[in-house]
N, C-alpha and C. Protein backbone atom coordinates (compact mmCIF):
# COMPACT_ATOMS: atom_id res chain seq x y z
N UNK A 1 2.38 18.33 17.07
CA UNK A 1 1.67 17.07 16.96
C UNK A 1 0.50 17.08 17.94
N UNK A 2 -0.66 17.49 17.51
CA UNK A 2 -1.80 17.59 18.38
C UNK A 2 -2.44 16.26 18.73
N UNK A 3 -2.36 15.28 17.86
CA UNK A 3 -3.02 14.01 18.13
C UNK A 3 -2.01 12.88 18.05
N UNK A 4 -2.25 11.84 18.84
CA UNK A 4 -1.38 10.67 18.80
C UNK A 4 -1.93 9.68 17.78
N UNK A 5 -1.05 9.16 16.98
CA UNK A 5 -1.41 8.19 15.96
C UNK A 5 -0.80 6.85 16.36
N UNK A 6 -1.64 5.82 16.41
CA UNK A 6 -1.14 4.49 16.74
C UNK A 6 -0.38 3.92 15.55
N UNK A 7 0.77 3.34 15.83
CA UNK A 7 1.56 2.71 14.77
C UNK A 7 1.64 1.20 14.96
N UNK A 8 0.68 0.65 15.71
CA UNK A 8 0.65 -0.80 15.87
C UNK A 8 0.37 -1.43 14.51
N UNK A 9 0.75 -2.68 14.36
CA UNK A 9 0.51 -3.39 13.11
C UNK A 9 -0.98 -3.33 12.75
N UNK A 10 -1.84 -3.59 13.72
CA UNK A 10 -3.29 -3.61 13.47
C UNK A 10 -3.79 -2.24 13.02
N UNK A 11 -3.29 -1.16 13.63
CA UNK A 11 -3.73 0.18 13.27
C UNK A 11 -3.29 0.53 11.85
N UNK A 12 -2.07 0.17 11.50
CA UNK A 12 -1.56 0.45 10.16
C UNK A 12 -2.33 -0.37 9.13
N UNK A 13 -2.56 -1.64 9.41
CA UNK A 13 -3.32 -2.49 8.50
C UNK A 13 -4.73 -1.94 8.29
N UNK A 14 -5.36 -1.50 9.37
CA UNK A 14 -6.70 -0.94 9.27
C UNK A 14 -6.71 0.31 8.39
N UNK A 15 -5.72 1.17 8.55
CA UNK A 15 -5.61 2.39 7.74
C UNK A 15 -5.49 2.03 6.26
N UNK A 16 -4.59 1.11 5.95
CA UNK A 16 -4.37 0.71 4.56
C UNK A 16 -5.64 0.08 3.98
N UNK A 17 -6.26 -0.81 4.71
CA UNK A 17 -7.45 -1.49 4.19
C UNK A 17 -8.62 -0.53 4.00
N UNK A 18 -8.76 0.45 4.88
CA UNK A 18 -9.82 1.45 4.70
C UNK A 18 -9.58 2.25 3.41
N UNK A 19 -8.32 2.58 3.14
CA UNK A 19 -8.01 3.34 1.93
C UNK A 19 -8.22 2.48 0.68
N UNK A 20 -7.84 1.21 0.74
CA UNK A 20 -8.09 0.32 -0.39
C UNK A 20 -9.58 0.22 -0.64
N UNK A 21 -10.35 0.04 0.42
CA UNK A 21 -11.81 -0.07 0.28
C UNK A 21 -12.40 1.21 -0.31
N UNK A 22 -11.89 2.36 0.08
CA UNK A 22 -12.43 3.61 -0.45
C UNK A 22 -12.16 3.73 -1.95
N UNK A 23 -11.04 3.18 -2.42
CA UNK A 23 -10.78 3.17 -3.86
C UNK A 23 -11.69 2.17 -4.57
N UNK A 24 -11.87 1.00 -4.00
CA UNK A 24 -12.73 -0.02 -4.60
C UNK A 24 -14.16 0.49 -4.71
N UNK A 25 -14.60 1.22 -3.70
CA UNK A 25 -15.97 1.74 -3.68
C UNK A 25 -16.11 3.08 -4.41
N UNK A 26 -15.03 3.55 -5.03
CA UNK A 26 -15.02 4.84 -5.73
C UNK A 26 -15.35 6.02 -4.83
N UNK A 27 -15.08 5.87 -3.53
CA UNK A 27 -15.31 6.97 -2.61
C UNK A 27 -14.14 7.97 -2.64
N UNK A 28 -12.96 7.48 -3.04
CA UNK A 28 -11.78 8.33 -3.14
C UNK A 28 -11.05 8.02 -4.44
N UNK A 29 -10.29 9.01 -4.89
CA UNK A 29 -9.44 8.81 -6.06
C UNK A 29 -8.05 8.40 -5.58
N UNK A 30 -7.20 7.99 -6.51
CA UNK A 30 -5.83 7.66 -6.15
C UNK A 30 -5.13 8.87 -5.53
N UNK A 31 -5.40 10.05 -6.06
CA UNK A 31 -4.82 11.28 -5.50
C UNK A 31 -5.28 11.51 -4.08
N UNK A 32 -6.57 11.25 -3.81
CA UNK A 32 -7.10 11.39 -2.44
C UNK A 32 -6.38 10.45 -1.48
N UNK A 33 -6.15 9.22 -1.93
CA UNK A 33 -5.49 8.23 -1.09
C UNK A 33 -4.05 8.66 -0.82
N UNK A 34 -3.37 9.14 -1.85
CA UNK A 34 -1.99 9.60 -1.67
C UNK A 34 -1.93 10.75 -0.67
N UNK A 35 -2.84 11.69 -0.79
CA UNK A 35 -2.86 12.82 0.15
C UNK A 35 -3.18 12.35 1.57
N UNK A 36 -4.08 11.39 1.69
CA UNK A 36 -4.42 10.85 3.00
C UNK A 36 -3.21 10.21 3.66
N UNK A 37 -2.44 9.46 2.88
CA UNK A 37 -1.24 8.83 3.43
C UNK A 37 -0.20 9.86 3.83
N UNK A 38 -0.07 10.91 3.03
CA UNK A 38 0.88 11.99 3.39
C UNK A 38 0.47 12.66 4.70
N UNK A 39 -0.82 12.95 4.84
CA UNK A 39 -1.30 13.57 6.09
C UNK A 39 -1.08 12.64 7.27
N UNK A 40 -1.39 11.35 7.08
CA UNK A 40 -1.21 10.37 8.15
C UNK A 40 0.25 10.33 8.58
N UNK A 41 1.16 10.27 7.62
CA UNK A 41 2.59 10.19 7.93
C UNK A 41 3.06 11.41 8.71
N UNK A 42 2.55 12.59 8.35
CA UNK A 42 2.96 13.82 9.04
C UNK A 42 2.52 13.81 10.50
N UNK A 43 1.44 13.10 10.81
CA UNK A 43 0.93 13.04 12.19
C UNK A 43 1.70 12.03 13.05
N UNK A 44 2.49 11.18 12.44
CA UNK A 44 3.24 10.18 13.20
C UNK A 44 4.48 10.84 13.79
N UNK A 45 4.68 10.64 15.06
CA UNK A 45 5.85 11.20 15.73
C UNK A 45 7.11 10.64 15.08
N UNK A 46 8.11 11.48 14.83
CA UNK A 46 9.34 11.01 14.18
C UNK A 46 9.97 9.79 14.85
N UNK A 47 9.88 9.69 16.16
CA UNK A 47 10.45 8.53 16.86
C UNK A 47 9.68 7.24 16.55
N UNK A 48 8.41 7.36 16.16
CA UNK A 48 7.58 6.20 15.86
C UNK A 48 7.63 5.80 14.39
N UNK A 49 8.24 6.62 13.55
CA UNK A 49 8.22 6.36 12.11
C UNK A 49 8.91 5.07 11.69
N UNK A 50 10.03 4.67 12.30
CA UNK A 50 10.63 3.40 11.87
C UNK A 50 9.67 2.20 12.06
N UNK A 51 8.95 2.19 13.16
CA UNK A 51 8.00 1.10 13.41
C UNK A 51 6.82 1.21 12.44
N UNK A 52 6.33 2.43 12.23
CA UNK A 52 5.22 2.64 11.29
C UNK A 52 5.64 2.21 9.89
N UNK A 53 6.84 2.55 9.50
CA UNK A 53 7.37 2.20 8.18
C UNK A 53 7.46 0.68 8.02
N UNK A 54 7.97 0.02 9.04
CA UNK A 54 8.09 -1.44 9.02
C UNK A 54 6.72 -2.09 8.85
N UNK A 55 5.74 -1.64 9.62
CA UNK A 55 4.39 -2.21 9.53
C UNK A 55 3.73 -1.87 8.20
N UNK A 56 3.92 -0.64 7.73
CA UNK A 56 3.32 -0.24 6.47
C UNK A 56 3.87 -1.07 5.31
N UNK A 57 5.17 -1.25 5.27
CA UNK A 57 5.77 -2.05 4.19
C UNK A 57 5.31 -3.50 4.25
N UNK A 58 5.16 -4.02 5.45
CA UNK A 58 4.68 -5.39 5.62
C UNK A 58 3.26 -5.54 5.09
N UNK A 59 2.38 -4.60 5.46
CA UNK A 59 0.98 -4.64 5.02
C UNK A 59 0.91 -4.48 3.50
N UNK A 60 1.67 -3.55 2.95
CA UNK A 60 1.65 -3.34 1.50
C UNK A 60 2.17 -4.57 0.76
N UNK A 61 3.22 -5.17 1.27
CA UNK A 61 3.78 -6.37 0.65
C UNK A 61 2.77 -7.51 0.66
N UNK A 62 2.13 -7.74 1.80
CA UNK A 62 1.15 -8.82 1.91
C UNK A 62 -0.09 -8.53 1.06
N UNK A 63 -0.50 -7.27 0.99
CA UNK A 63 -1.65 -6.90 0.16
C UNK A 63 -1.34 -7.12 -1.31
N UNK A 64 -0.14 -6.72 -1.71
CA UNK A 64 0.29 -6.91 -3.09
C UNK A 64 0.33 -8.40 -3.44
N UNK A 65 0.87 -9.22 -2.53
CA UNK A 65 0.94 -10.67 -2.75
C UNK A 65 -0.46 -11.27 -2.86
N UNK A 66 -1.38 -10.78 -2.05
CA UNK A 66 -2.75 -11.28 -2.09
C UNK A 66 -3.41 -10.96 -3.43
N UNK A 67 -3.24 -9.74 -3.91
CA UNK A 67 -3.81 -9.37 -5.21
C UNK A 67 -3.20 -10.21 -6.32
N UNK A 68 -1.90 -10.45 -6.23
CA UNK A 68 -1.25 -11.31 -7.22
C UNK A 68 -1.80 -12.72 -7.19
N UNK A 69 -2.03 -13.27 -5.99
CA UNK A 69 -2.58 -14.62 -5.86
C UNK A 69 -3.99 -14.69 -6.43
N UNK A 70 -4.77 -13.65 -6.20
CA UNK A 70 -6.13 -13.61 -6.75
C UNK A 70 -6.08 -13.64 -8.28
N UNK A 71 -5.23 -12.78 -8.84
CA UNK A 71 -5.12 -12.73 -10.31
C UNK A 71 -4.65 -14.06 -10.88
N UNK A 72 -3.64 -14.65 -10.24
CA UNK A 72 -3.13 -15.94 -10.72
C UNK A 72 -4.19 -17.04 -10.59
N UNK A 73 -4.97 -16.98 -9.51
CA UNK A 73 -6.03 -17.97 -9.33
C UNK A 73 -7.10 -17.85 -10.39
N UNK A 74 -7.42 -16.63 -10.78
CA UNK A 74 -8.44 -16.42 -11.81
C UNK A 74 -7.98 -16.88 -13.18
N UNK A 75 -6.69 -16.76 -13.45
CA UNK A 75 -6.21 -17.18 -14.77
C UNK A 75 -6.32 -18.69 -14.95
N UNK A 76 -6.40 -19.44 -13.85
CA UNK A 76 -6.52 -20.88 -13.94
C UNK A 76 -7.95 -21.35 -14.18
N UNK A 77 -8.91 -20.48 -14.10
CA UNK A 77 -10.31 -20.87 -14.32
C UNK A 77 -10.62 -20.94 -15.80
N UNK A 78 -11.28 -22.00 -16.20
CA UNK A 78 -11.60 -22.18 -17.62
C UNK A 78 -12.63 -21.17 -18.11
N UNK A 79 -13.57 -20.80 -17.26
CA UNK A 79 -14.65 -19.92 -17.71
C UNK A 79 -14.41 -18.45 -17.34
N UNK A 80 -13.18 -18.11 -17.03
CA UNK A 80 -12.85 -16.72 -16.69
C UNK A 80 -11.89 -16.20 -17.73
N UNK A 81 -12.40 -15.31 -18.57
CA UNK A 81 -11.58 -14.77 -19.65
C UNK A 81 -10.83 -13.53 -19.16
N UNK A 82 -9.55 -13.52 -19.39
CA UNK A 82 -8.73 -12.38 -18.98
C UNK A 82 -8.39 -11.57 -20.22
N UNK A 83 -8.67 -10.30 -20.14
CA UNK A 83 -8.29 -9.39 -21.22
C UNK A 83 -6.99 -8.72 -20.83
N UNK A 84 -6.13 -8.55 -21.77
CA UNK A 84 -4.85 -7.91 -21.50
C UNK A 84 -5.09 -6.47 -21.07
N UNK A 85 -4.44 -6.09 -19.98
CA UNK A 85 -4.52 -4.73 -19.48
C UNK A 85 -3.19 -4.08 -19.78
N UNK A 86 -3.26 -2.87 -20.28
CA UNK A 86 -2.00 -2.17 -20.56
C UNK A 86 -1.23 -2.00 -19.26
N UNK A 87 0.02 -2.39 -19.27
CA UNK A 87 0.85 -2.38 -18.07
C UNK A 87 0.93 -1.00 -17.45
N UNK A 88 0.95 0.04 -18.27
CA UNK A 88 1.09 1.38 -17.70
C UNK A 88 -0.17 1.86 -16.97
N UNK A 89 -1.29 1.14 -17.12
CA UNK A 89 -2.51 1.56 -16.43
C UNK A 89 -2.67 0.88 -15.08
N UNK A 90 -1.76 -0.02 -14.73
CA UNK A 90 -1.85 -0.76 -13.47
C UNK A 90 -0.78 -0.23 -12.51
N UNK A 91 -1.21 0.16 -11.32
CA UNK A 91 -0.25 0.65 -10.33
C UNK A 91 0.59 -0.52 -9.82
N UNK A 92 1.85 -0.28 -9.63
CA UNK A 92 2.78 -1.30 -9.14
C UNK A 92 3.54 -0.75 -7.95
N UNK A 93 3.93 -1.63 -7.06
CA UNK A 93 4.81 -1.26 -5.96
C UNK A 93 6.20 -1.77 -6.28
N UNK A 94 7.17 -0.90 -6.16
CA UNK A 94 8.55 -1.26 -6.45
C UNK A 94 9.37 -1.11 -5.18
N UNK A 95 10.29 -2.00 -4.96
CA UNK A 95 11.18 -1.91 -3.83
C UNK A 95 12.38 -1.07 -4.22
N UNK A 96 12.68 -0.08 -3.42
CA UNK A 96 13.81 0.80 -3.65
C UNK A 96 14.83 0.61 -2.55
N UNK A 97 16.10 0.91 -2.83
CA UNK A 97 17.10 0.82 -1.76
C UNK A 97 16.75 1.78 -0.64
N UNK A 98 17.16 1.43 0.57
CA UNK A 98 16.90 2.28 1.72
C UNK A 98 17.65 3.59 1.64
N UNK A 99 17.28 4.50 2.50
CA UNK A 99 17.93 5.80 2.55
C UNK A 99 19.38 5.63 2.96
N UNK A 100 20.26 6.46 2.44
CA UNK A 100 21.69 6.46 2.74
C UNK A 100 22.35 5.12 2.41
N UNK A 101 21.77 4.37 1.47
CA UNK A 101 22.39 3.13 1.02
C UNK A 101 22.29 1.97 1.99
N UNK A 102 21.51 2.11 3.08
CA UNK A 102 21.42 0.98 4.01
C UNK A 102 20.56 -0.13 3.42
N UNK A 103 20.53 -1.26 4.09
CA UNK A 103 19.86 -2.43 3.53
C UNK A 103 18.35 -2.39 3.70
N UNK A 104 17.82 -1.44 4.45
CA UNK A 104 16.37 -1.32 4.57
C UNK A 104 15.80 -0.97 3.21
N UNK A 105 14.60 -1.46 2.93
CA UNK A 105 13.99 -1.17 1.66
C UNK A 105 12.75 -0.34 1.86
N UNK A 106 12.41 0.43 0.84
CA UNK A 106 11.18 1.19 0.90
C UNK A 106 10.40 0.93 -0.37
N UNK A 107 9.10 1.16 -0.30
CA UNK A 107 8.24 0.88 -1.43
C UNK A 107 7.84 2.19 -2.09
N UNK A 108 7.68 2.14 -3.40
CA UNK A 108 7.24 3.30 -4.14
C UNK A 108 6.18 2.82 -5.13
N UNK A 109 5.04 3.48 -5.09
CA UNK A 109 3.98 3.14 -6.04
C UNK A 109 4.21 3.93 -7.31
N UNK A 110 3.98 3.29 -8.43
CA UNK A 110 4.10 3.99 -9.72
C UNK A 110 2.97 3.56 -10.62
N UNK A 111 2.70 4.38 -11.58
CA UNK A 111 1.64 4.10 -12.55
C UNK A 111 2.25 3.82 -13.89
């Protein structure tokens, strides 16, 4: 582990938001973002991973809720027409049971 990676809530949120922005701006593909997250995770010291995981899941959950609120808010506008999007083309986050059957949950993105 040559470099120290901060796992503070703010650092994790900043990482996630930078990656979201890079997708919105077409600077990265979904594959690029996935690889970036894998590299980031490998740089986190194993002792720091539980805290990083907790913050990452919190940021992802809040980000997902925000996107849902935006979509729901737009559907209420009279002059905003929503076209049906095929469900399989929209990435979703799913909550999975924790490792070894414990009550902790983890998120998995799927297409």
